[in-house]
Protein backbone atom coordinates (compact mmCIF):
# COMPACT_ATOMS: atom_id res chain seq x y z
CA MET A 1 74.09 -239.04 -64.70
CA SER A 2 77.45 -240.60 -63.95
CA ALA A 3 79.01 -241.72 -60.67
CA ALA A 4 78.66 -239.48 -57.67
CA ARG A 5 81.09 -236.69 -56.90
CA PRO A 6 80.79 -234.14 -54.08
CA LEU A 7 78.89 -230.93 -54.60
CA LYS A 8 81.10 -228.10 -55.74
CA THR A 9 79.66 -225.74 -53.14
CA LEU A 10 76.99 -225.96 -50.50
CA ARG A 11 75.37 -222.73 -51.57
CA THR A 12 74.84 -223.60 -55.22
CA PHE A 13 71.78 -225.40 -56.46
CA ALA A 14 70.58 -225.45 -52.89
CA VAL A 15 67.82 -222.94 -52.81
CA ILE A 16 64.35 -223.06 -54.00
CA ALA A 17 63.80 -223.36 -57.64
CA ALA A 18 60.54 -222.46 -58.82
CA LEU A 19 59.06 -221.69 -55.46
CA PRO A 20 57.68 -218.19 -55.26
CA LEU A 21 56.52 -217.10 -51.85
CA LEU A 22 53.24 -215.31 -51.56
CA LEU A 23 53.57 -211.53 -51.39
CA THR A 24 57.07 -211.63 -49.93
CA ALA A 25 58.00 -214.06 -52.70
CA CYS A 26 61.08 -216.15 -51.98
CA GLY A 27 62.71 -214.82 -48.85
CA TYR A 28 65.57 -217.25 -48.59
CA GLY A 29 65.89 -217.26 -44.82
CA ALA A 30 66.01 -220.38 -42.71
CA GLU A 31 62.86 -219.67 -40.79
CA SER A 32 59.76 -221.80 -40.68
CA THR A 33 56.36 -221.38 -39.12
CA ASP A 34 54.65 -223.95 -36.95
CA ASP A 35 51.08 -223.38 -38.09
CA ASP A 36 49.37 -225.80 -35.72
CA LYS A 37 46.71 -226.04 -38.42
CA GLN A 38 44.79 -229.27 -37.96
CA ALA A 39 41.62 -230.39 -39.64
CA GLU A 40 38.81 -231.66 -37.46
CA VAL A 41 38.95 -235.40 -36.93
CA ALA A 42 35.86 -237.43 -36.19
CA ALA A 43 35.89 -238.97 -32.72
CA ASP A 44 35.38 -242.46 -34.12
CA ALA A 45 37.89 -242.09 -36.98
CA LYS A 46 40.39 -244.92 -37.09
CA LYS A 47 44.05 -244.00 -36.68
CA LEU A 48 46.71 -245.37 -38.96
CA SER A 49 50.13 -246.51 -37.71
CA VAL A 50 50.94 -243.13 -36.17
CA ASP A 51 48.88 -240.58 -34.23
CA GLU A 52 50.13 -237.58 -36.20
CA VAL A 53 51.83 -236.87 -39.50
CA LYS A 54 53.88 -233.67 -39.79
CA ILE A 55 53.61 -232.02 -43.20
CA GLY A 56 55.62 -229.07 -44.54
CA TYR A 57 55.04 -226.78 -47.53
CA PHE A 58 55.43 -223.22 -48.76
CA PRO A 59 52.74 -220.52 -48.71
CA ASN A 60 52.69 -220.08 -52.49
CA LEU A 61 50.64 -221.07 -55.50
CA THR A 62 52.99 -223.78 -56.72
CA HIS A 63 52.21 -225.61 -53.48
CA ALA A 64 48.48 -225.34 -54.00
CA THR A 65 48.05 -229.12 -53.72
CA ALA A 66 49.07 -228.87 -50.07
CA LEU A 67 47.27 -225.55 -49.49
CA VAL A 68 43.99 -226.78 -50.95
CA GLY A 69 44.33 -230.31 -49.62
CA VAL A 70 44.63 -228.99 -46.07
CA GLN A 71 42.11 -226.16 -46.52
CA GLU A 72 39.40 -228.41 -47.94
CA GLY A 73 40.10 -231.35 -45.61
CA LEU A 74 40.92 -233.63 -48.53
CA LEU A 75 44.18 -234.82 -47.01
CA GLN A 76 42.72 -235.32 -43.55
CA LYS A 77 39.84 -237.36 -44.95
CA GLU A 78 42.27 -239.99 -46.25
CA LEU A 79 44.18 -240.09 -42.97
CA GLY A 80 41.17 -240.87 -40.81
CA GLY A 81 42.09 -240.53 -37.13
CA THR A 82 45.74 -239.72 -37.84
CA LYS A 83 46.00 -235.96 -37.46
CA ILE A 84 47.84 -233.60 -39.78
CA LYS A 85 50.30 -231.17 -38.23
CA THR A 86 51.42 -228.46 -40.67
CA SER A 87 54.46 -226.20 -40.89
CA THR A 88 55.28 -223.64 -43.58
CA PHE A 89 58.75 -222.68 -44.76
CA ASN A 90 60.46 -219.74 -46.42
CA ALA A 91 63.35 -221.70 -47.94
CA GLY A 92 64.11 -225.14 -49.28
CA PRO A 93 67.17 -225.76 -47.09
CA SER A 94 65.17 -225.12 -43.92
CA GLU A 95 62.55 -227.64 -45.02
CA ILE A 96 65.26 -230.21 -45.73
CA GLU A 97 66.72 -229.55 -42.26
CA ALA A 98 63.27 -230.07 -40.76
CA LEU A 99 62.91 -233.36 -42.62
CA ASN A 100 66.36 -234.51 -41.52
CA SER A 101 65.64 -233.63 -37.88
CA GLY A 102 62.20 -235.25 -37.84
CA SER A 103 60.35 -231.95 -37.42
CA ILE A 104 58.37 -232.89 -40.52
CA ASP A 105 57.75 -236.27 -42.12
CA ILE A 106 56.54 -235.30 -45.57
CA GLY A 107 57.03 -232.08 -47.54
CA TRP A 108 56.15 -230.26 -50.73
CA ILE A 109 59.37 -228.81 -52.16
CA GLY A 110 61.11 -227.75 -55.37
CA PRO A 111 63.62 -229.81 -57.37
CA SER A 112 66.80 -227.95 -56.41
CA PRO A 113 66.63 -228.43 -52.62
CA ALA A 114 65.49 -232.02 -53.13
CA ILE A 115 68.52 -232.76 -55.29
CA ASN A 116 70.90 -230.92 -52.99
CA GLY A 117 69.47 -232.49 -49.85
CA TYR A 118 69.61 -235.98 -51.31
CA THR A 119 73.17 -235.55 -52.55
CA LYS A 120 74.54 -233.99 -49.36
CA ALA A 121 73.13 -236.90 -47.36
CA ALA A 122 74.63 -239.43 -49.77
CA GLY A 123 71.15 -240.57 -50.72
CA LYS A 124 70.18 -241.62 -47.20
CA ASN A 125 67.65 -239.03 -46.03
CA LEU A 126 64.77 -238.56 -48.48
CA ARG A 127 62.84 -239.94 -51.40
CA ILE A 128 60.74 -238.10 -53.94
CA ILE A 129 57.41 -239.92 -53.88
CA SER A 130 55.23 -237.80 -56.19
CA GLY A 131 54.97 -234.76 -58.35
CA SER A 132 52.64 -231.89 -57.53
CA ALA A 133 53.04 -229.00 -59.98
CA SER A 134 54.65 -227.97 -63.25
CA GLY A 135 55.37 -224.64 -64.91
CA GLY A 136 54.77 -221.14 -63.65
CA VAL A 137 58.15 -219.62 -64.64
CA LYS A 138 58.56 -216.73 -67.09
CA LEU A 139 61.06 -214.25 -68.46
CA VAL A 140 59.39 -210.86 -67.96
CA VAL A 141 61.09 -207.75 -69.38
CA ASN A 142 60.75 -204.02 -69.72
CA PRO A 143 59.20 -203.70 -73.21
CA GLU A 144 60.80 -200.29 -73.72
CA LYS A 145 64.28 -201.77 -73.36
CA ILE A 146 63.81 -205.31 -74.66
CA LYS A 147 61.61 -205.96 -77.66
CA SER A 148 62.90 -209.37 -78.76
CA LEU A 149 64.91 -212.27 -77.36
CA LYS A 150 68.08 -211.05 -79.05
CA ASP A 151 67.74 -207.76 -77.16
CA VAL A 152 68.39 -209.60 -73.86
CA LYS A 153 72.12 -209.50 -74.67
CA GLY A 154 73.75 -206.67 -72.78
CA LYS A 155 70.83 -206.28 -70.35
CA LYS A 156 70.43 -206.88 -66.60
CA ILE A 157 68.20 -209.87 -65.87
CA ALA A 158 67.31 -210.92 -62.33
CA THR A 159 67.02 -214.44 -60.97
CA PRO A 160 66.03 -215.36 -57.40
CA GLN A 161 69.44 -216.59 -56.25
CA LEU A 162 72.73 -218.04 -57.41
CA GLY A 163 72.27 -221.69 -58.33
CA ASN A 164 68.51 -221.88 -57.84
CA THR A 165 66.41 -223.47 -60.57
CA GLN A 166 65.51 -220.26 -62.37
CA ASP A 167 69.14 -219.12 -62.22
CA VAL A 168 70.28 -222.39 -63.78
CA ALA A 169 67.55 -222.19 -66.41
CA LEU A 170 68.56 -218.66 -67.43
CA LEU A 171 72.25 -219.57 -67.56
CA ASN A 172 71.45 -222.57 -69.74
CA TRP A 173 69.27 -220.48 -72.06
CA ILE A 174 72.03 -217.86 -72.34
CA SER A 175 74.53 -220.57 -73.26
CA GLU A 176 72.19 -221.88 -75.94
CA GLN A 177 72.13 -218.41 -77.51
CA GLY A 178 75.91 -218.63 -77.87
CA TRP A 179 76.51 -215.95 -75.25
CA LYS A 180 78.97 -216.17 -72.37
CA VAL A 181 78.36 -215.48 -68.69
CA ASP A 182 80.50 -216.32 -65.68
CA ALA A 183 78.09 -218.34 -63.57
CA GLU A 184 79.51 -217.37 -60.18
CA SER A 185 79.71 -213.59 -60.73
CA GLY A 186 76.84 -213.30 -63.22
CA LYS A 187 78.99 -211.07 -65.43
CA GLY A 188 79.18 -211.44 -69.18
CA ASP A 189 77.10 -210.92 -72.31
CA VAL A 190 74.08 -210.74 -70.01
CA SER A 191 74.32 -209.39 -66.47
CA VAL A 192 72.62 -211.96 -64.24
CA VAL A 193 71.53 -210.13 -61.10
CA ARG A 194 70.64 -212.37 -58.16
CA THR A 195 67.73 -210.68 -56.41
CA ASP A 196 65.27 -212.04 -53.86
CA ASN A 197 61.81 -212.25 -55.38
CA LYS A 198 60.43 -210.05 -52.60
CA VAL A 199 62.40 -207.06 -53.92
CA THR A 200 62.40 -207.87 -57.64
CA PRO A 201 59.26 -205.80 -58.42
CA ASP A 202 60.82 -202.73 -56.76
CA ALA A 203 64.10 -203.33 -58.58
CA TYR A 204 62.14 -203.47 -61.83
CA LYS A 205 60.26 -200.26 -61.07
CA SER A 206 63.50 -198.45 -60.19
CA GLY A 207 65.14 -199.53 -63.45
CA SER A 208 68.01 -201.35 -61.73
CA ILE A 209 67.07 -204.47 -63.68
CA ASP A 210 65.71 -204.78 -67.22
CA GLY A 211 63.81 -207.99 -66.63
CA ALA A 212 63.68 -211.17 -64.59
CA TRP A 213 63.49 -214.94 -65.05
CA VAL A 214 61.16 -215.68 -62.16
CA PRO A 215 58.38 -217.94 -60.89
CA GLU A 216 54.81 -217.03 -60.13
CA PRO A 217 53.40 -214.92 -58.64
CA THR A 218 56.48 -212.67 -59.06
CA ALA A 219 56.18 -212.86 -62.85
CA SER A 220 52.57 -211.64 -62.75
CA LYS A 221 53.51 -208.90 -60.29
CA LEU A 222 56.04 -207.62 -62.86
CA VAL A 223 53.42 -207.76 -65.59
CA ALA A 224 51.11 -205.72 -63.34
CA GLU A 225 53.92 -203.13 -63.21
CA GLY A 226 54.02 -202.89 -67.01
CA GLY A 227 56.37 -205.77 -67.79
CA LYS A 228 55.93 -208.06 -70.78
CA VAL A 229 56.26 -211.84 -70.84
CA LEU A 230 59.01 -212.43 -73.39
CA LEU A 231 59.36 -216.16 -72.80
CA ASP A 232 57.44 -218.82 -70.89
CA GLU A 233 59.94 -221.44 -69.70
CA GLY A 234 57.39 -224.14 -70.42
CA ASP A 235 57.97 -223.50 -74.14
CA LEU A 236 61.53 -224.80 -73.71
CA TRP A 237 60.46 -228.21 -72.40
CA PRO A 238 58.88 -231.26 -74.08
CA ASP A 239 55.10 -231.10 -73.82
CA LYS A 240 55.62 -227.72 -72.09
CA LYS A 241 56.05 -229.49 -68.73
CA PHE A 242 58.86 -229.36 -66.18
CA VAL A 243 58.86 -230.08 -62.47
CA ILE A 244 58.35 -227.15 -60.11
CA THR A 245 57.10 -228.95 -56.98
CA ASN A 246 57.64 -232.50 -55.70
CA ILE A 247 56.52 -234.38 -52.61
CA ILE A 248 59.34 -235.80 -50.49
CA VAL A 249 59.34 -238.08 -47.45
CA SER A 250 61.99 -239.11 -44.99
CA GLN A 251 63.18 -242.62 -45.75
CA SER A 252 62.69 -243.69 -42.13
CA PHE A 253 59.07 -242.51 -42.10
CA LEU A 254 58.41 -244.22 -45.41
CA LYS A 255 59.80 -247.47 -44.03
CA ASP A 256 58.01 -247.30 -40.67
CA HIS A 257 54.65 -245.87 -41.77
CA PRO A 258 53.89 -246.85 -45.38
CA ASP A 259 50.14 -246.74 -44.67
CA VAL A 260 50.38 -243.05 -43.71
CA VAL A 261 52.48 -242.21 -46.76
CA GLU A 262 49.99 -243.96 -48.99
CA ALA A 263 47.10 -242.07 -47.36
CA VAL A 264 48.83 -238.71 -47.92
CA LEU A 265 49.46 -239.64 -51.55
CA ARG A 266 45.82 -240.66 -51.95
CA GLY A 267 44.83 -237.27 -50.58
CA SER A 268 47.26 -235.50 -52.90
CA VAL A 269 46.01 -237.36 -55.98
CA LYS A 270 42.38 -236.63 -55.07
CA THR A 271 43.22 -232.98 -54.33
CA ASN A 272 44.86 -232.52 -57.73
CA LYS A 273 41.85 -234.14 -59.35
CA TRP A 274 39.55 -231.73 -57.47
CA ILE A 275 41.74 -228.73 -58.37
CA ASN A 276 41.64 -229.58 -62.06
CA ALA A 277 37.89 -230.25 -62.01
CA ASN A 278 37.10 -227.08 -60.03
CA PRO A 279 39.76 -224.51 -61.00
CA ASP A 280 37.87 -221.43 -59.80
CA LYS A 281 36.94 -222.95 -56.45
CA ALA A 282 40.47 -224.29 -56.05
CA LYS A 283 42.00 -220.91 -56.85
CA ALA A 284 39.78 -219.25 -54.26
CA SER A 285 40.62 -221.96 -51.72
CA ALA A 286 44.35 -221.53 -52.27
CA ASN A 287 44.09 -217.77 -51.97
CA LYS A 288 42.08 -218.11 -48.75
CA ALA A 289 44.79 -220.36 -47.33
CA LEU A 290 47.43 -217.86 -48.38
CA GLU A 291 45.51 -215.03 -46.74
CA GLU A 292 45.31 -216.99 -43.48
CA LEU A 293 49.04 -217.65 -43.60
CA SER A 294 50.18 -214.17 -44.65
CA GLY A 295 47.38 -211.84 -43.60
CA LYS A 296 46.72 -210.67 -47.14
CA ALA A 297 45.31 -212.31 -50.24
CA LEU A 298 46.75 -211.94 -53.74
CA PRO A 299 44.86 -209.39 -55.87
CA ALA A 300 43.00 -210.75 -58.88
CA GLU A 301 45.36 -209.04 -61.35
CA VAL A 302 48.19 -211.17 -59.96
CA LEU A 303 46.30 -214.28 -58.84
CA ASP A 304 44.42 -215.01 -62.07
CA PRO A 305 47.33 -215.09 -64.55
CA ALA A 306 49.64 -216.75 -62.02
CA TRP A 307 47.14 -219.54 -61.37
CA LYS A 308 46.65 -220.20 -65.07
CA SER A 309 50.36 -220.72 -65.63
CA VAL A 310 50.74 -223.54 -63.09
CA THR A 311 49.70 -227.12 -63.92
CA PHE A 312 48.81 -229.46 -61.06
CA LEU A 313 49.69 -233.08 -61.68
CA ASP A 314 50.87 -236.23 -59.92
CA ASP A 315 53.65 -237.13 -62.35
CA PRO A 316 57.01 -235.98 -60.89
CA LEU A 317 58.34 -235.47 -64.43
CA ALA A 318 61.50 -237.25 -63.37
CA ALA A 319 63.31 -236.77 -66.67
CA THR A 320 63.07 -232.99 -66.30
CA LEU A 321 64.59 -233.11 -62.81
CA ASP A 322 67.53 -235.03 -64.24
CA THR A 323 67.84 -232.47 -67.03
CA GLU A 324 67.76 -229.58 -64.56
CA ALA A 325 70.65 -231.20 -62.69
CA GLU A 326 72.56 -231.58 -65.98
CA HIS A 327 72.05 -227.89 -66.71
CA ALA A 328 73.53 -227.00 -63.32
CA VAL A 329 76.53 -229.22 -64.02
CA LYS A 330 76.93 -227.62 -67.45
CA ALA A 331 76.88 -224.16 -65.89
CA GLY A 332 79.62 -225.16 -63.47
CA LEU A 333 77.42 -224.75 -60.42
CA LEU A 334 77.12 -228.42 -59.49
CA GLU A 335 79.46 -231.39 -59.51
CA GLU A 336 77.75 -234.23 -61.30
CA PRO A 337 75.56 -236.04 -58.74
CA ASP A 338 74.38 -239.62 -58.54
CA LEU A 339 70.58 -239.34 -58.39
CA LYS A 340 69.92 -243.07 -58.59
CA GLY A 341 67.40 -243.91 -55.88
CA ILE A 342 66.06 -240.40 -55.37
CA TYR A 343 62.59 -241.63 -56.40
CA ASP A 344 60.33 -244.24 -54.88
CA LEU A 345 57.15 -244.10 -56.91
CA ALA A 346 55.76 -247.50 -55.94
CA PRO A 347 53.31 -246.06 -53.36
CA LEU A 348 52.11 -243.41 -55.82
CA ASN A 349 51.65 -245.91 -58.63
CA LYS A 350 49.65 -248.13 -56.28
CA VAL A 351 47.35 -245.18 -55.55
CA LEU A 352 47.09 -244.17 -59.20
CA LYS A 353 46.23 -247.72 -60.24
CA ALA A 354 43.48 -247.87 -57.60
CA GLU A 355 42.14 -244.56 -58.93
CA GLY A 356 42.10 -245.88 -62.49
CA GLN A 357 44.91 -243.57 -63.61
CA ASP A 358 48.10 -244.28 -65.52
CA GLU A 359 51.25 -245.08 -63.60
CA VAL A 360 54.22 -242.67 -63.76
CA ASP A 361 57.89 -243.24 -64.54
CA ASP A 362 61.04 -242.50 -62.50
CA ALA A 363 63.31 -242.04 -65.56
CA GLY A 364 65.66 -244.72 -64.24
CA LEU A 365 66.27 -242.83 -61.00
CA GLY A 366 64.15 -245.01 -58.74
CA VAL A 367 65.11 -247.32 -55.90
CA LYS A 368 66.40 -250.70 -56.93
């Protein structure tokens, strides 16, 4: 990306990308929940450089690394006597605000709010220190109205919100078909209808939309209502992988408590390894955590296909984040940002090397 210019608007590219909220899906409010969920710590466990680390994440499947890591005690185990304090969020901007204010130290978050938060703070507030998940985004349509990709022209397709990652992805795909849509209004050869994920299934059932480009579990909810997956966004990316969830940390916390950051990353890497080695147990663990947070678990008809479509990995897939930003610029929703320095993958690569795993790349967007 070229030299930095200010964001075109504070509302664009600011909300959660591929972050579906459980049951209520993405409710883009600014609220958060102080869960006060702490794993038991042995009395003789040695503390690191801080008594407590405050961690934030979303109650959804694309944040299963955090959900499972906390639920199974895998994160706490690496932190020893340093306790975990958790908070959950309903929107990316609120999590960025919490990070900026010191209410959380480390967070699981999607690419759009990470980019927006980093750019608005002139690169002085956060670093992306790891990946967490890839995939889990689909174009689901009414099969009676749309039978092929070319039939999308002239139809009403929902995205979670103006400028979020799915919105940008749909606009980019539309452009590649040679069709025209005004990004701000959503009007054109395809009607792009910005609809909160929590109401998208009802909008689909009522016929007010013909389909939706949405993350899981909303996509699987639409399929349960008779929708058909017309396109998996993963098919549009190299190796079928694109970033959906990253881990971020405040730069001050990273500087002052590198031992704690490294311990959290160790826990994340080991959690992803456990998830991939025990997919059924991990799925059940994530759903149990979601039930505790929301009061209701996802039904199997939604949980099973949604879980299968998300890949849990440590690689932040930095090149895809850069590409997502380029798509937003192309759509006219984002002034070209300077993302140099958004990544600091040295702590993660240290952990990966110790675990006998390959190091990951920052696509030239790392700290100098």
